[in-house]
Amino acid sequence: MGTGEGEESLLSPPTKVELGSRLWEEAKRTAYIAGPMVAVNLSLYFLQIISTMMVGHLGELYLSSTALAVSFCAVTGFSLIFGLSSGLETLCGQSYGARQYHRFGTQIHTGVLSLVVSSLPLSLLWLYLERILTLVGQDPEISAEAGRFAVRLIPALYAYAVLQPLIRYYQTQSLVIPMVVSSCVTLIFHVIICWMLVFRSGWGNLGAATAIGLSYWLNVILLSLYVIYSPKCAKTRISPSMEVIHTVGEFFSLAIPSAIMICLEWWSFELLTMLSGLLPNPKLETSVLSVCLATLASLYTIPDGLGAAASTRVSNELGAGNPRAAREAAAAVMLITLSVATILCTFLFAARHVFGCLFSDSEEVISYVASMAPLLCLSVALDNLQGVLSGIARGCGWQDIGAYINLGAYYLCGIPVAGIFGFWAQLRAMGLWIGILTGASVQTILLFIVTLRTDWRNEANKARERVFQRRAPVDDAEAPISEQPSV
């Protein structure tokens, strides 16, 4: 955590040896958070993957309707809740760094209340999924099954609305081990209960939706019990009060731009899948893009974990009034990311003729996926960089800037380029992927420029002002920002 208010001496810039030592120590702190967060993200991601895989054995109708319902619910529900909850990374991370533990606990309660209330209109939308899909021309039988699945998934939405603030509660305190244990227990429980409800209860695909909800609620219960009984949570464990109502406005001031920032990127990939259905031979093109997107989504859990670590370390240090430490945290996580991206891209390219076999038995699909490997490797590299840069942005509270960047990168650059190369240049799926790669490139470059030009002392001042609701500058003895180590 932070070294405390004004405790960090910045009277002179560190030597290269001192800087290397500090970056190494910071890299270890970051890895301690990032590794477990990757495991947590993977376990949550696997809940839906396992459910879909089991439903796939029931027949084509159930698989297609479940995939459609899961996609719709992800776009209109889970992505929004996840995005809104990301505002807590700024608020709670900086409060914890400033040792304002009562304020920290209040913000968690505010997040839970706000997200549960936000789930109400979203769940009403899910009730009408069958009608919505029918109106846009989907097959009536598939629409009916998808609608029933979405209704059964509504309890999972409310569990998710409580779960995400709990995850931020643990993450911003670097209490990662309890989350890993809870996630692993939940995953094992999900495999068992999903199998029973899908194949033994007679509920079929609806059993998979019920299993997702039960698993999310189990995770919520396990994490809540740890908060209640563990002495490690004593400082930040508070009882709900009317103060929660008074901080709702502050929560949404960061939560809304956070949701826009995350959802704009998330939705661009969903739009890519929809566009692939308009190409010649849509079954082949959609299959290839689905394989590539599934691979990218699985590997994204790694930069997502690194981004969570970056957000935690940067927000904690800014809240503590330590701008140099915040900048060193950003530098350390970027160095880790470059190493991880290099390893992942090397492995993915070497296995380009293999990983397509995991998703399909078609030689045409496997060969097409292999030809997409170089572009997929570039996407993985960019995802690692932008995932961490987005985490730094959340730690600083730049969600509004991130929202504008993502809007311009994906919808003014990426999607138009995808249309041009995919349809006009007739590069099909490869052309669509070039478009999304263009958007990711623009996003990464702009986020990197913003990070590189950051005045870290000013960010620390703003963080202290946000936490204490008044001007609370960092130590005036600190060195000029130009003397601090560069990202």
Protein backbone atom coordinates (compact mmCIF):
# COMPACT_ATOMS: atom_id res chain seq x y z
CA MET A 1 0.00 0.00 0.00
CA GLY A 2 0.97 3.60 0.13
CA THR A 3 3.75 4.75 2.42
CA GLY A 4 1.41 7.30 3.99
CA GLU A 5 0.64 10.98 3.67
CA GLY A 6 3.71 13.01 2.98
CA GLU A 7 6.00 10.19 4.12
CA GLU A 8 7.58 9.72 0.70
CA SER A 9 10.68 11.86 0.32
CA LEU A 10 11.19 13.12 -3.22
CA LEU A 11 13.87 15.71 -2.55
CA SER A 12 16.17 14.17 -5.15
CA PRO A 13 15.59 11.80 -8.06
CA PRO A 14 16.60 8.16 -7.40
CA THR A 15 19.75 6.66 -8.89
CA LYS A 16 19.42 3.96 -11.54
CA VAL A 17 20.15 1.27 -8.94
CA GLU A 18 17.55 2.70 -6.54
CA LEU A 19 15.02 3.04 -9.34
CA GLY A 20 15.62 -0.54 -10.50
CA SER A 21 15.20 -1.82 -6.95
CA ARG A 22 11.98 0.13 -6.44
CA LEU A 23 10.55 -1.02 -9.75
CA TRP A 24 11.39 -4.64 -8.87
CA GLU A 25 9.62 -4.33 -5.50
CA GLU A 26 6.65 -2.70 -7.20
CA ALA A 27 6.55 -5.46 -9.82
CA LYS A 28 6.32 -8.05 -7.04
CA ARG A 29 3.44 -6.17 -5.39
CA THR A 30 1.66 -5.94 -8.73
CA ALA A 31 2.17 -9.62 -9.52
CA TYR A 32 0.77 -10.56 -6.11
CA ILE A 33 -2.50 -8.85 -7.06
CA ALA A 34 -2.55 -9.66 -10.79
CA GLY A 35 -1.99 -13.42 -10.61
CA PRO A 36 -4.97 -14.17 -8.34
CA MET A 37 -7.15 -11.67 -10.22
CA VAL A 38 -6.51 -13.62 -13.44
CA ALA A 39 -7.70 -16.78 -11.67
CA VAL A 40 -10.82 -14.97 -10.41
CA ASN A 41 -11.63 -13.60 -13.87
CA LEU A 42 -11.15 -17.01 -15.48
CA SER A 43 -13.44 -18.71 -12.98
CA LEU A 44 -16.22 -16.17 -13.60
CA TYR A 45 -15.75 -16.48 -17.36
CA PHE A 46 -15.91 -20.28 -17.17
CA LEU A 47 -19.33 -20.26 -15.49
CA GLN A 48 -21.04 -19.23 -18.73
CA ILE A 49 -18.69 -21.28 -20.92
CA ILE A 50 -19.39 -24.47 -18.95
CA SER A 51 -23.13 -23.81 -19.04
CA THR A 52 -23.08 -23.28 -22.80
CA MET A 53 -21.00 -26.42 -23.34
CA MET A 54 -23.45 -28.55 -21.38
CA VAL A 55 -26.45 -27.07 -23.15
CA GLY A 56 -24.73 -27.84 -26.47
CA HIS A 57 -25.30 -31.55 -25.81
CA LEU A 58 -29.08 -31.00 -25.73
CA GLY A 59 -29.35 -30.10 -29.41
CA GLU A 60 -28.91 -27.30 -31.93
CA LEU A 61 -32.05 -25.38 -30.90
CA TYR A 62 -31.01 -25.18 -27.25
CA LEU A 63 -27.41 -24.27 -28.09
CA SER A 64 -28.34 -21.47 -30.51
CA SER A 65 -31.04 -20.02 -28.24
CA THR A 66 -28.75 -20.14 -25.20
CA ALA A 67 -25.88 -18.49 -27.09
CA LEU A 68 -28.27 -15.78 -28.30
CA ALA A 69 -29.69 -15.19 -24.81
CA VAL A 70 -26.25 -15.10 -23.17
CA SER A 71 -25.02 -12.60 -25.77
CA PHE A 72 -28.08 -10.37 -25.33
CA CYS A 73 -27.87 -10.51 -21.52
CA ALA A 74 -24.15 -9.76 -21.60
CA VAL A 75 -24.67 -6.66 -23.75
CA THR A 76 -27.76 -5.32 -21.96
CA GLY A 77 -26.98 -6.39 -18.40
CA PHE A 78 -23.71 -7.89 -17.25
CA SER A 79 -21.50 -5.48 -19.22
CA LEU A 80 -23.37 -2.47 -17.82
CA ILE A 81 -23.16 -3.72 -14.22
CA PHE A 82 -19.48 -4.54 -14.64
CA GLY A 83 -18.82 -1.11 -16.13
CA LEU A 84 -20.72 0.75 -13.41
CA SER A 85 -18.92 -1.16 -10.67
CA SER A 86 -15.54 -0.11 -12.11
CA GLY A 87 -16.12 3.37 -10.71
CA LEU A 88 -15.44 1.85 -7.29
CA GLU A 89 -11.85 1.15 -8.33
CA THR A 90 -11.20 4.89 -8.26
CA LEU A 91 -13.31 5.78 -5.22
CA CYS A 92 -12.43 2.83 -2.99
CA GLY A 93 -8.81 2.50 -4.11
CA GLN A 94 -8.05 6.14 -3.33
CA SER A 95 -10.00 6.09 -0.05
CA TYR A 96 -8.14 3.00 1.11
CA GLY A 97 -4.79 4.56 0.16
CA ALA A 98 -5.73 7.64 2.20
CA ARG A 99 -6.71 5.37 5.15
CA GLN A 100 -10.26 6.68 5.12
CA TYR A 101 -11.72 3.29 5.98
CA HIS A 102 -15.21 4.43 6.99
CA ARG A 103 -15.57 6.26 3.68
CA PHE A 104 -14.27 3.16 1.91
CA GLY A 105 -16.94 0.96 3.50
CA THR A 106 -19.67 3.49 2.76
CA GLN A 107 -18.72 3.55 -0.92
CA ILE A 108 -19.01 -0.25 -1.11
CA HIS A 109 -22.53 -0.12 0.37
CA THR A 110 -23.39 2.68 -2.06
CA GLY A 111 -22.16 0.57 -4.95
CA VAL A 112 -24.25 -2.43 -3.92
CA LEU A 113 -27.41 -0.33 -3.51
CA SER A 114 -26.89 1.57 -6.77
CA LEU A 115 -26.18 -1.56 -8.84
CA VAL A 116 -29.13 -3.50 -7.43
CA VAL A 117 -31.46 -0.59 -8.24
CA SER A 118 -29.89 -0.29 -11.71
CA SER A 119 -30.67 -3.97 -12.30
CA LEU A 120 -34.42 -3.38 -12.03
CA PRO A 121 -34.94 -1.82 -15.51
CA LEU A 122 -32.43 -4.24 -17.02
CA SER A 123 -34.32 -7.26 -15.69
CA LEU A 124 -37.57 -5.84 -17.07
CA LEU A 125 -35.91 -5.65 -20.48
CA TRP A 126 -34.95 -9.33 -20.20
CA LEU A 127 -38.59 -10.23 -19.54
CA TYR A 128 -39.41 -9.04 -23.07
CA LEU A 129 -36.47 -10.69 -24.82
CA GLU A 130 -38.70 -13.06 -26.81
CA ARG A 131 -40.71 -10.16 -28.24
CA ILE A 132 -37.59 -8.13 -28.98
CA LEU A 133 -35.91 -10.97 -30.89
CA THR A 134 -39.10 -11.72 -32.83
CA LEU A 135 -39.43 -8.04 -33.82
CA VAL A 136 -35.88 -7.97 -35.23
CA GLY A 137 -36.57 -11.03 -37.39
CA GLN A 138 -35.15 -13.91 -35.34
CA ASP A 139 -36.63 -17.39 -35.66
CA PRO A 140 -39.76 -17.60 -33.40
CA GLU A 141 -38.76 -20.95 -31.90
CA ILE A 142 -35.24 -19.77 -31.07
CA SER A 143 -36.64 -16.48 -29.72
CA ALA A 144 -39.04 -18.32 -27.42
CA GLU A 145 -36.30 -20.50 -25.93
CA ALA A 146 -33.94 -17.53 -25.58
CA GLY A 147 -36.67 -15.57 -23.81
CA ARG A 148 -37.28 -18.36 -21.30
CA PHE A 149 -33.53 -18.65 -20.66
CA ALA A 150 -33.22 -14.88 -20.03
CA VAL A 151 -36.07 -14.94 -17.50
CA ARG A 152 -34.35 -17.73 -15.56
CA LEU A 153 -31.12 -15.71 -15.68
CA ILE A 154 -32.62 -12.67 -13.90
CA PRO A 155 -31.58 -13.85 -10.38
CA ALA A 156 -28.00 -14.07 -11.69
CA LEU A 157 -28.14 -10.37 -12.65
CA TYR A 158 -28.95 -9.31 -9.08
CA ALA A 159 -26.26 -11.62 -7.69
CA TYR A 160 -23.79 -10.08 -10.15
CA ALA A 161 -24.82 -6.60 -8.96
CA VAL A 162 -23.81 -7.54 -5.41
CA LEU A 163 -20.78 -9.61 -6.44
CA GLN A 164 -18.98 -6.90 -8.41
CA PRO A 165 -18.78 -4.37 -5.50
CA LEU A 166 -17.58 -7.23 -3.27
CA ILE A 167 -14.82 -8.01 -5.77
CA ARG A 168 -13.80 -4.33 -5.78
CA TYR A 169 -13.87 -4.41 -1.96
CA TYR A 170 -11.26 -7.17 -1.90
CA GLN A 171 -9.30 -5.98 -4.93
CA THR A 172 -8.68 -2.41 -3.72
CA GLN A 173 -7.38 -3.77 -0.40
CA SER A 174 -5.19 -6.37 -2.15
CA LEU A 175 -7.10 -9.14 -0.34
CA VAL A 176 -6.89 -11.47 -3.32
CA ILE A 177 -6.51 -14.93 -1.76
CA PRO A 178 -10.08 -15.07 -0.34
CA MET A 179 -11.42 -14.24 -3.81
CA VAL A 180 -9.42 -17.05 -5.39
CA VAL A 181 -10.65 -19.59 -2.83
CA SER A 182 -14.26 -18.42 -3.19
CA SER A 183 -14.06 -18.49 -7.00
CA CYS A 184 -12.59 -21.99 -7.08
CA VAL A 185 -15.25 -23.33 -4.71
CA THR A 186 -17.92 -21.64 -6.84
CA LEU A 187 -16.54 -23.13 -10.05
CA ILE A 188 -16.52 -26.66 -8.63
CA PHE A 189 -20.05 -26.16 -7.30
CA HIS A 190 -21.17 -24.86 -10.70
CA VAL A 191 -19.90 -27.88 -12.60
CA ILE A 192 -21.85 -30.20 -10.28
CA ILE A 193 -25.09 -28.20 -10.00
CA CYS A 194 -25.16 -27.33 -13.72
CA TRP A 195 -24.77 -30.99 -14.69
CA MET A 196 -27.55 -31.98 -12.28
CA LEU A 197 -29.97 -29.26 -13.39
CA VAL A 198 -29.31 -29.69 -17.13
CA PHE A 199 -29.26 -33.48 -17.39
CA ARG A 200 -30.96 -34.85 -14.25
CA SER A 201 -33.70 -32.41 -13.28
CA GLY A 202 -35.44 -32.29 -16.65
CA TRP A 203 -35.00 -28.52 -16.86
CA GLY A 204 -32.59 -28.73 -19.80
CA ASN A 205 -31.20 -25.40 -20.92
CA LEU A 206 -33.23 -23.58 -18.25
CA GLY A 207 -31.27 -25.55 -15.65
CA ALA A 208 -28.06 -23.94 -16.96
CA ALA A 209 -29.50 -20.45 -16.38
CA THR A 210 -30.59 -21.42 -12.88
CA ALA A 211 -27.14 -22.88 -12.16
CA ILE A 212 -25.43 -19.61 -13.15
CA GLY A 213 -27.64 -17.70 -10.70
CA LEU A 214 -27.04 -20.19 -7.87
CA SER A 215 -23.28 -20.09 -8.46
CA TYR A 216 -23.15 -16.29 -8.42
CA TRP A 217 -25.15 -16.20 -5.18
CA LEU A 218 -22.87 -18.81 -3.60
CA ASN A 219 -19.88 -16.61 -4.45
CA VAL A 220 -21.65 -13.61 -2.90
CA ILE A 221 -22.40 -15.56 0.30
CA LEU A 222 -18.84 -16.86 0.67
CA LEU A 223 -17.27 -13.43 0.17
CA SER A 224 -19.81 -11.78 2.49
CA LEU A 225 -19.13 -14.30 5.26
CA TYR A 226 -15.41 -13.55 5.04
CA VAL A 227 -16.10 -9.82 5.34
CA ILE A 228 -18.29 -10.40 8.42
CA TYR A 229 -16.00 -12.76 10.32
CA SER A 230 -12.43 -12.10 9.16
CA PRO A 231 -10.26 -9.76 11.30
CA LYS A 232 -8.54 -8.62 8.10
CA CYS A 233 -11.75 -6.78 7.16
CA ALA A 234 -12.27 -5.16 10.58
CA LYS A 235 -11.04 -1.70 9.52
CA THR A 236 -13.35 -1.43 6.49
CA ARG A 237 -16.33 -3.38 7.87
CA ILE A 238 -19.08 -0.88 8.66
CA SER A 239 -22.85 -1.03 9.04
CA PRO A 240 -25.06 0.54 6.35
CA SER A 241 -26.36 4.03 7.18
CA MET A 242 -28.21 6.92 5.56
CA GLU A 243 -24.81 8.21 4.46
CA VAL A 244 -25.07 5.67 1.65
CA ILE A 245 -27.89 7.70 0.07
CA HIS A 246 -25.80 10.88 0.18
CA THR A 247 -22.91 9.31 -1.77
CA VAL A 248 -25.01 7.90 -4.64
CA GLY A 249 -24.36 11.00 -6.76
CA GLU A 250 -20.60 10.73 -6.28
CA PHE A 251 -20.74 7.04 -7.20
CA PHE A 252 -22.61 7.61 -10.46
CA SER A 253 -20.36 10.56 -11.41
CA LEU A 254 -17.59 7.97 -11.97
CA ALA A 255 -19.71 4.87 -12.56
CA ILE A 256 -21.50 6.19 -15.66
CA PRO A 257 -18.33 7.18 -17.59
CA SER A 258 -16.77 3.88 -16.43
CA ALA A 259 -19.69 1.96 -17.91
CA ILE A 260 -19.54 3.94 -21.15
CA MET A 261 -15.78 3.38 -21.41
CA ILE A 262 -16.04 -0.39 -20.92
CA CYS A 263 -19.29 -1.02 -22.81
CA LEU A 264 -18.24 0.88 -25.94
CA GLU A 265 -15.32 -1.50 -26.31
CA TRP A 266 -17.33 -4.60 -25.34
CA TRP A 267 -20.17 -3.79 -27.73
CA SER A 268 -17.82 -3.21 -30.67
CA PHE A 269 -16.87 -6.91 -30.61
CA GLU A 270 -20.55 -7.92 -30.49
CA LEU A 271 -21.13 -5.67 -33.51
CA LEU A 272 -18.25 -7.40 -35.29
CA THR A 273 -20.02 -10.76 -34.85
CA MET A 274 -23.26 -9.30 -36.22
CA LEU A 275 -21.46 -7.91 -39.28
CA SER A 276 -19.94 -11.32 -39.99
CA GLY A 277 -23.46 -12.67 -40.50
CA LEU A 278 -23.84 -10.32 -43.51
CA LEU A 279 -20.78 -11.70 -45.33
CA PRO A 280 -20.93 -14.31 -48.10
CA ASN A 281 -20.87 -17.81 -46.57
CA PRO A 282 -21.87 -16.43 -43.14
CA LYS A 283 -21.64 -19.81 -41.36
CA LEU A 284 -17.92 -20.08 -42.13
CA GLU A 285 -17.14 -16.41 -41.43
CA THR A 286 -19.11 -16.36 -38.17
CA SER A 287 -17.51 -19.63 -37.04
CA VAL A 288 -14.01 -18.30 -37.66
CA LEU A 289 -14.71 -15.01 -35.90
CA SER A 290 -16.32 -16.87 -33.00
CA VAL A 291 -13.19 -19.00 -32.55
CA CYS A 292 -10.93 -15.92 -32.67
CA LEU A 293 -13.15 -13.93 -30.30
CA ALA A 294 -13.41 -16.83 -27.85
CA THR A 295 -9.61 -17.17 -27.87
CA LEU A 296 -9.17 -13.42 -27.40
CA ALA A 297 -11.75 -13.31 -24.58
CA SER A 298 -10.05 -16.18 -22.75
CA LEU A 299 -6.61 -14.59 -23.01
CA TYR A 300 -8.02 -11.16 -22.03
CA THR A 301 -8.43 -12.41 -18.47
CA ILE A 302 -4.65 -11.93 -18.12
CA PRO A 303 -4.47 -8.20 -19.04
CA ASP A 304 -7.74 -7.72 -17.16
CA GLY A 305 -6.02 -9.05 -14.03
CA LEU A 306 -2.98 -6.86 -14.67
CA GLY A 307 -5.30 -3.89 -15.22
CA ALA A 308 -7.00 -4.58 -11.88
CA ALA A 309 -3.58 -4.65 -10.21
CA ALA A 310 -2.55 -1.41 -11.93
CA SER A 311 -5.79 0.27 -10.86
CA THR A 312 -5.32 -0.86 -7.25
CA ARG A 313 -1.69 0.18 -6.91
CA VAL A 314 -2.11 3.54 -8.68
CA SER A 315 -5.31 4.49 -6.81
CA ASN A 316 -3.85 3.44 -3.44
CA GLU A 317 -0.70 5.51 -3.93
CA LEU A 318 -2.56 8.56 -5.25
CA GLY A 319 -4.94 8.39 -2.30
CA ALA A 320 -1.94 8.18 0.04
CA GLY A 321 -0.46 11.30 -1.58
CA ASN A 322 2.51 9.50 -3.15
CA PRO A 323 2.74 10.61 -6.81
CA ARG A 324 6.17 9.08 -7.41
CA ALA A 325 5.03 5.69 -6.13
CA ALA A 326 1.93 5.89 -8.34
CA ARG A 327 4.09 6.57 -11.38
CA GLU A 328 6.46 3.76 -10.50
CA ALA A 329 3.46 1.43 -10.13
CA ALA A 330 2.35 2.38 -13.64
CA ALA A 331 5.88 1.82 -14.97
CA ALA A 332 6.25 -1.57 -13.27
CA VAL A 333 2.97 -2.95 -14.54
CA MET A 334 3.76 -1.79 -18.09
CA LEU A 335 7.07 -3.67 -17.97
CA ILE A 336 5.29 -6.81 -16.77
CA THR A 337 2.70 -6.42 -19.50
CA LEU A 338 5.28 -6.18 -22.27
CA SER A 339 6.85 -9.44 -21.06
CA VAL A 340 3.49 -11.21 -20.77
CA ALA A 341 2.34 -9.99 -24.20
CA THR A 342 5.54 -11.28 -25.82
CA ILE A 343 5.10 -14.74 -24.25
CA LEU A 344 1.40 -14.98 -25.17
CA CYS A 345 1.93 -13.89 -28.77
CA THR A 346 4.82 -16.31 -29.25
CA PHE A 347 2.80 -19.19 -27.85
CA LEU A 348 -0.31 -18.30 -29.87
CA PHE A 349 1.56 -18.02 -33.16
CA ALA A 350 3.39 -21.30 -32.56
CA ALA A 351 0.04 -23.03 -31.88
CA ARG A 352 -1.80 -21.37 -34.79
CA HIS A 353 -2.51 -24.73 -36.45
CA VAL A 354 -3.67 -26.29 -33.17
CA PHE A 355 -6.01 -23.97 -31.28
CA GLY A 356 -8.61 -23.97 -34.06
CA CYS A 357 -9.01 -27.73 -33.47
CA LEU A 358 -10.26 -27.00 -29.95
CA PHE A 359 -13.36 -25.34 -31.37
CA SER A 360 -14.07 -27.10 -34.65
CA ASP A 361 -13.51 -30.31 -36.58
CA SER A 362 -13.85 -28.56 -39.95
CA GLU A 363 -10.57 -28.41 -41.89
CA GLU A 364 -11.77 -25.25 -43.62
CA VAL A 365 -12.38 -23.50 -40.29
CA ILE A 366 -9.05 -24.69 -38.83
CA SER A 367 -7.12 -23.49 -41.89
CA TYR A 368 -8.95 -20.13 -41.90
CA VAL A 369 -8.26 -19.63 -38.19
CA ALA A 370 -4.56 -20.37 -38.75
CA SER A 371 -4.43 -17.66 -41.44
CA MET A 372 -5.95 -15.22 -38.92
CA ALA A 373 -3.24 -16.00 -36.31
CA PRO A 374 -0.90 -13.04 -37.11
CA LEU A 375 -3.78 -10.57 -36.72
CA LEU A 376 -4.95 -12.35 -33.58
CA CYS A 377 -1.44 -12.10 -32.11
CA LEU A 378 -1.44 -8.34 -32.73
CA SER A 379 -4.83 -8.10 -31.03
CA VAL A 380 -3.53 -10.01 -28.00
CA ALA A 381 -0.53 -7.66 -27.74
CA LEU A 382 -2.73 -4.57 -27.99
CA ASP A 383 -5.25 -6.02 -25.53
CA ASN A 384 -2.50 -6.48 -22.98
CA LEU A 385 -1.33 -2.89 -23.37
CA GLN A 386 -4.76 -1.26 -23.42
CA GLY A 387 -6.03 -3.47 -20.57
CA VAL A 388 -3.29 -2.17 -18.29
CA LEU A 389 -3.57 1.42 -19.55
CA SER A 390 -7.32 1.27 -18.88
CA GLY A 391 -6.55 0.04 -15.36
CA ILE A 392 -4.24 3.01 -14.80
CA ALA A 393 -7.00 5.29 -16.09
CA ARG A 394 -9.49 3.82 -13.61
CA GLY A 395 -6.97 4.21 -10.80
CA CYS A 396 -6.60 7.89 -11.62
CA GLY A 397 -10.29 8.54 -12.29
CA TRP A 398 -9.96 9.28 -16.03
CA GLN A 399 -13.04 7.30 -17.02
CA ASP A 400 -14.53 10.27 -18.91
CA ILE A 401 -11.36 10.57 -21.01
CA GLY A 402 -11.39 6.81 -21.60
CA ALA A 403 -15.00 6.97 -22.77
CA TYR A 404 -14.19 9.60 -25.40
CA ILE A 405 -11.11 7.65 -26.51
CA ASN A 406 -13.07 4.40 -26.91
CA LEU A 407 -15.87 6.16 -28.78
CA GLY A 408 -13.43 7.65 -31.28
CA ALA A 409 -11.18 4.59 -31.53
CA TYR A 410 -13.84 1.97 -32.19
CA TYR A 411 -16.82 3.79 -33.68
CA LEU A 412 -15.13 6.55 -35.68
CA CYS A 413 -12.10 4.47 -36.74
CA GLY A 414 -12.44 0.74 -36.09
CA ILE A 415 -15.98 -0.07 -37.27
CA PRO A 416 -15.78 2.04 -40.49
CA VAL A 417 -12.42 0.43 -41.36
CA ALA A 418 -13.97 -3.00 -40.67
CA GLY A 419 -16.78 -2.22 -43.09
CA ILE A 420 -14.39 -1.02 -45.79
CA PHE A 421 -11.99 -3.99 -45.59
CA GLY A 422 -14.61 -6.61 -44.83
CA PHE A 423 -17.12 -5.71 -47.55
CA TRP A 424 -15.69 -3.23 -50.06
CA ALA A 425 -12.18 -4.80 -50.18
CA GLN A 426 -13.81 -8.26 -49.85
CA LEU A 427 -11.35 -9.46 -47.20
CA ARG A 428 -14.34 -10.92 -45.29
CA ALA A 429 -13.57 -11.96 -41.67
CA MET A 430 -9.96 -10.86 -42.01
CA GLY A 431 -11.11 -7.42 -43.12
CA LEU A 432 -13.49 -7.14 -40.17
CA TRP A 433 -10.67 -8.10 -37.83
CA ILE A 434 -8.37 -5.48 -39.39
CA GLY A 435 -11.03 -2.92 -38.50
CA ILE A 436 -11.25 -3.93 -34.86
CA LEU A 437 -7.43 -4.09 -34.76
CA THR A 438 -7.35 -0.51 -36.03
CA GLY A 439 -9.70 0.58 -33.26
CA ALA A 440 -7.60 -1.18 -30.61
CA SER A 441 -4.43 0.46 -32.01
CA VAL A 442 -5.92 3.95 -31.84
CA GLN A 443 -7.25 3.27 -28.34
CA THR A 444 -3.88 2.03 -27.08
CA ILE A 445 -1.91 4.91 -28.61
CA LEU A 446 -4.23 7.56 -27.17
CA LEU A 447 -4.30 5.98 -23.70
CA PHE A 448 -0.51 5.72 -23.75
CA ILE A 449 -0.16 9.40 -24.69
CA VAL A 450 -2.50 10.42 -21.86
CA THR A 451 -0.54 8.28 -19.38
CA LEU A 452 2.83 9.55 -20.62
CA ARG A 453 1.77 13.20 -20.25
CA THR A 454 0.29 12.76 -16.78
CA ASP A 455 1.16 15.23 -14.03
CA TRP A 456 1.23 12.70 -11.20
CA ARG A 457 1.48 15.29 -8.43
CA ASN A 458 -1.66 16.96 -9.74
CA GLU A 459 -3.42 13.57 -9.88
CA ALA A 460 -2.44 12.94 -6.26
CA ASN A 461 -3.85 16.34 -5.30
CA LYS A 462 -7.11 15.57 -7.09
CA ALA A 463 -7.33 12.16 -5.43
CA ARG A 464 -6.87 13.70 -1.97
CA GLU A 465 -9.47 16.34 -2.78
CA ARG A 466 -11.88 13.62 -3.91
CA VAL A 467 -11.34 11.58 -0.74
CA PHE A 468 -11.45 14.40 1.79
CA GLN A 469 -13.98 16.56 -0.11
CA ARG A 470 -11.61 19.49 0.22
CA ARG A 471 -8.23 20.60 -1.05
CA ALA A 472 -5.62 18.32 0.53
CA PRO A 473 -2.32 18.82 -1.34
CA VAL A 474 0.58 16.41 -1.20
CA ASP A 475 3.84 17.33 0.49
CA ASP A 476 5.30 20.53 -1.04
CA ALA A 477 8.80 19.08 -0.63
CA GLU A 478 8.20 16.59 -3.41
CA ALA A 479 10.40 16.74 -6.47
CA PRO A 480 9.15 18.19 -9.77
CA ILE A 481 7.30 15.66 -11.86
CA SER A 482 9.94 15.90 -14.58
CA GLU A 483 12.44 14.33 -12.16
CA GLN A 484 10.30 11.28 -11.54
CA PRO A 485 10.83 8.02 -13.43
CA SER A 486 9.08 7.92 -16.78
CA VAL A 487 6.51 5.34 -17.79
